[in-house]
N, C-alpha and C. Protein backbone atom coordinates (compact mmCIF):
# COMPACT_ATOMS: atom_id res chain seq x y z
N UNK A 1 -6.34 8.64 21.52
CA UNK A 1 -6.09 7.33 20.96
C UNK A 1 -7.37 6.86 20.28
N UNK A 2 -7.21 6.23 19.13
CA UNK A 2 -8.33 5.71 18.35
C UNK A 2 -8.20 4.20 18.23
N UNK A 3 -9.32 3.51 18.35
CA UNK A 3 -9.34 2.06 18.17
C UNK A 3 -10.04 1.76 16.84
N UNK A 4 -9.38 0.98 16.00
CA UNK A 4 -9.95 0.55 14.73
C UNK A 4 -10.42 -0.89 14.91
N UNK A 5 -11.71 -1.14 14.69
CA UNK A 5 -12.24 -2.50 14.80
C UNK A 5 -12.30 -3.11 13.41
N UNK A 6 -11.56 -4.18 13.21
CA UNK A 6 -11.52 -4.85 11.92
C UNK A 6 -12.59 -5.93 11.80
N UNK A 7 -13.21 -6.31 12.92
CA UNK A 7 -14.27 -7.31 12.90
C UNK A 7 -13.85 -8.60 13.57
N UNK A 8 -14.68 -9.62 13.41
CA UNK A 8 -14.42 -10.92 14.01
C UNK A 8 -15.14 -11.07 15.34
N UNK A 9 -15.17 -12.29 15.83
CA UNK A 9 -15.81 -12.63 17.10
C UNK A 9 -14.87 -13.53 17.89
N UNK A 10 -14.99 -13.46 19.19
CA UNK A 10 -14.16 -14.31 20.05
C UNK A 10 -13.16 -13.49 20.83
N UNK A 11 -12.06 -14.12 21.20
CA UNK A 11 -11.07 -13.43 22.02
C UNK A 11 -10.46 -12.25 21.26
N UNK A 12 -10.15 -11.16 21.97
CA UNK A 12 -9.57 -10.00 21.30
C UNK A 12 -8.14 -10.27 20.81
N UNK A 13 -7.84 -9.75 19.65
CA UNK A 13 -6.49 -9.78 19.09
C UNK A 13 -6.11 -8.33 18.85
N UNK A 14 -5.12 -7.83 19.57
CA UNK A 14 -4.72 -6.43 19.50
C UNK A 14 -3.50 -6.28 18.60
N UNK A 15 -3.62 -5.42 17.59
CA UNK A 15 -2.53 -5.17 16.65
C UNK A 15 -1.92 -3.80 16.95
N UNK A 16 -0.62 -3.76 17.16
CA UNK A 16 0.09 -2.52 17.47
C UNK A 16 1.08 -2.23 16.34
N UNK A 17 1.05 -1.00 15.85
CA UNK A 17 1.99 -0.62 14.79
C UNK A 17 3.23 0.00 15.40
N UNK A 18 4.26 0.16 14.59
CA UNK A 18 5.50 0.78 15.04
C UNK A 18 5.44 2.30 14.95
N UNK A 19 6.54 2.92 15.22
CA UNK A 19 6.66 4.37 15.19
C UNK A 19 6.22 4.92 13.84
N UNK A 20 5.37 5.92 13.86
CA UNK A 20 4.88 6.61 12.66
C UNK A 20 4.00 5.73 11.78
N UNK A 21 3.53 4.60 12.29
CA UNK A 21 2.64 3.73 11.52
C UNK A 21 1.19 4.07 11.79
N UNK A 22 0.31 3.36 11.13
CA UNK A 22 -1.13 3.53 11.33
C UNK A 22 -1.76 2.15 11.43
N UNK A 23 -2.87 2.07 12.14
CA UNK A 23 -3.55 0.78 12.33
C UNK A 23 -3.98 0.17 11.00
N UNK A 24 -4.35 1.00 10.04
CA UNK A 24 -4.83 0.50 8.75
C UNK A 24 -3.74 -0.29 8.01
N UNK A 25 -2.49 -0.11 8.39
CA UNK A 25 -1.38 -0.87 7.82
C UNK A 25 -1.61 -2.37 8.01
N UNK A 26 -2.33 -2.71 9.06
CA UNK A 26 -2.60 -4.11 9.39
C UNK A 26 -3.74 -4.72 8.59
N UNK A 27 -4.40 -3.97 7.70
CA UNK A 27 -5.61 -4.43 7.02
C UNK A 27 -5.49 -5.84 6.44
N UNK A 28 -4.46 -6.16 5.62
CA UNK A 28 -4.40 -7.51 5.03
C UNK A 28 -4.31 -8.62 6.10
N UNK A 29 -3.53 -8.39 7.12
CA UNK A 29 -3.36 -9.38 8.19
C UNK A 29 -4.64 -9.47 9.02
N UNK A 30 -5.24 -8.33 9.31
CA UNK A 30 -6.45 -8.28 10.13
C UNK A 30 -7.59 -9.07 9.48
N UNK A 31 -7.72 -9.00 8.17
CA UNK A 31 -8.78 -9.74 7.49
C UNK A 31 -8.62 -11.24 7.69
N UNK A 32 -7.41 -11.72 7.69
CA UNK A 32 -7.14 -13.13 7.93
C UNK A 32 -7.41 -13.49 9.39
N UNK A 33 -7.03 -12.61 10.31
CA UNK A 33 -7.17 -12.89 11.74
C UNK A 33 -8.62 -12.88 12.24
N UNK A 34 -9.53 -12.25 11.52
CA UNK A 34 -10.93 -12.19 11.98
C UNK A 34 -11.55 -13.58 12.11
N UNK A 35 -10.99 -14.56 11.45
CA UNK A 35 -11.49 -15.94 11.59
C UNK A 35 -11.09 -16.53 12.95
N UNK A 36 -10.17 -15.87 13.65
CA UNK A 36 -9.63 -16.40 14.90
C UNK A 36 -10.03 -15.59 16.14
N UNK A 37 -10.61 -14.39 15.95
CA UNK A 37 -11.00 -13.57 17.09
C UNK A 37 -11.41 -12.18 16.66
N UNK A 38 -11.72 -11.35 17.63
CA UNK A 38 -12.09 -9.95 17.39
C UNK A 38 -10.81 -9.14 17.24
N UNK A 39 -10.60 -8.56 16.09
CA UNK A 39 -9.34 -7.89 15.77
C UNK A 39 -9.47 -6.38 15.96
N UNK A 40 -8.56 -5.83 16.75
CA UNK A 40 -8.53 -4.40 17.06
C UNK A 40 -7.15 -3.84 16.75
N UNK A 41 -7.11 -2.62 16.23
CA UNK A 41 -5.84 -1.93 16.01
C UNK A 41 -5.87 -0.60 16.72
N UNK A 42 -4.75 -0.18 17.27
CA UNK A 42 -4.66 1.09 17.98
C UNK A 42 -3.92 2.12 17.15
N UNK A 43 -4.47 3.33 17.11
CA UNK A 43 -3.79 4.49 16.53
C UNK A 43 -3.59 5.49 17.66
N UNK A 44 -2.36 5.93 17.83
CA UNK A 44 -2.08 6.90 18.90
C UNK A 44 -2.05 8.31 18.35
């Protein structure tokens, strides 16, 4: 399993993708969320 750190500070925000997805799919949303916490995405 790989963890992608999108950045940010504060409480962790974990982004999970669906079947056959990739964490990088969350890039546009993750950039917005970094203002609200530390954004992490999981790749299995």
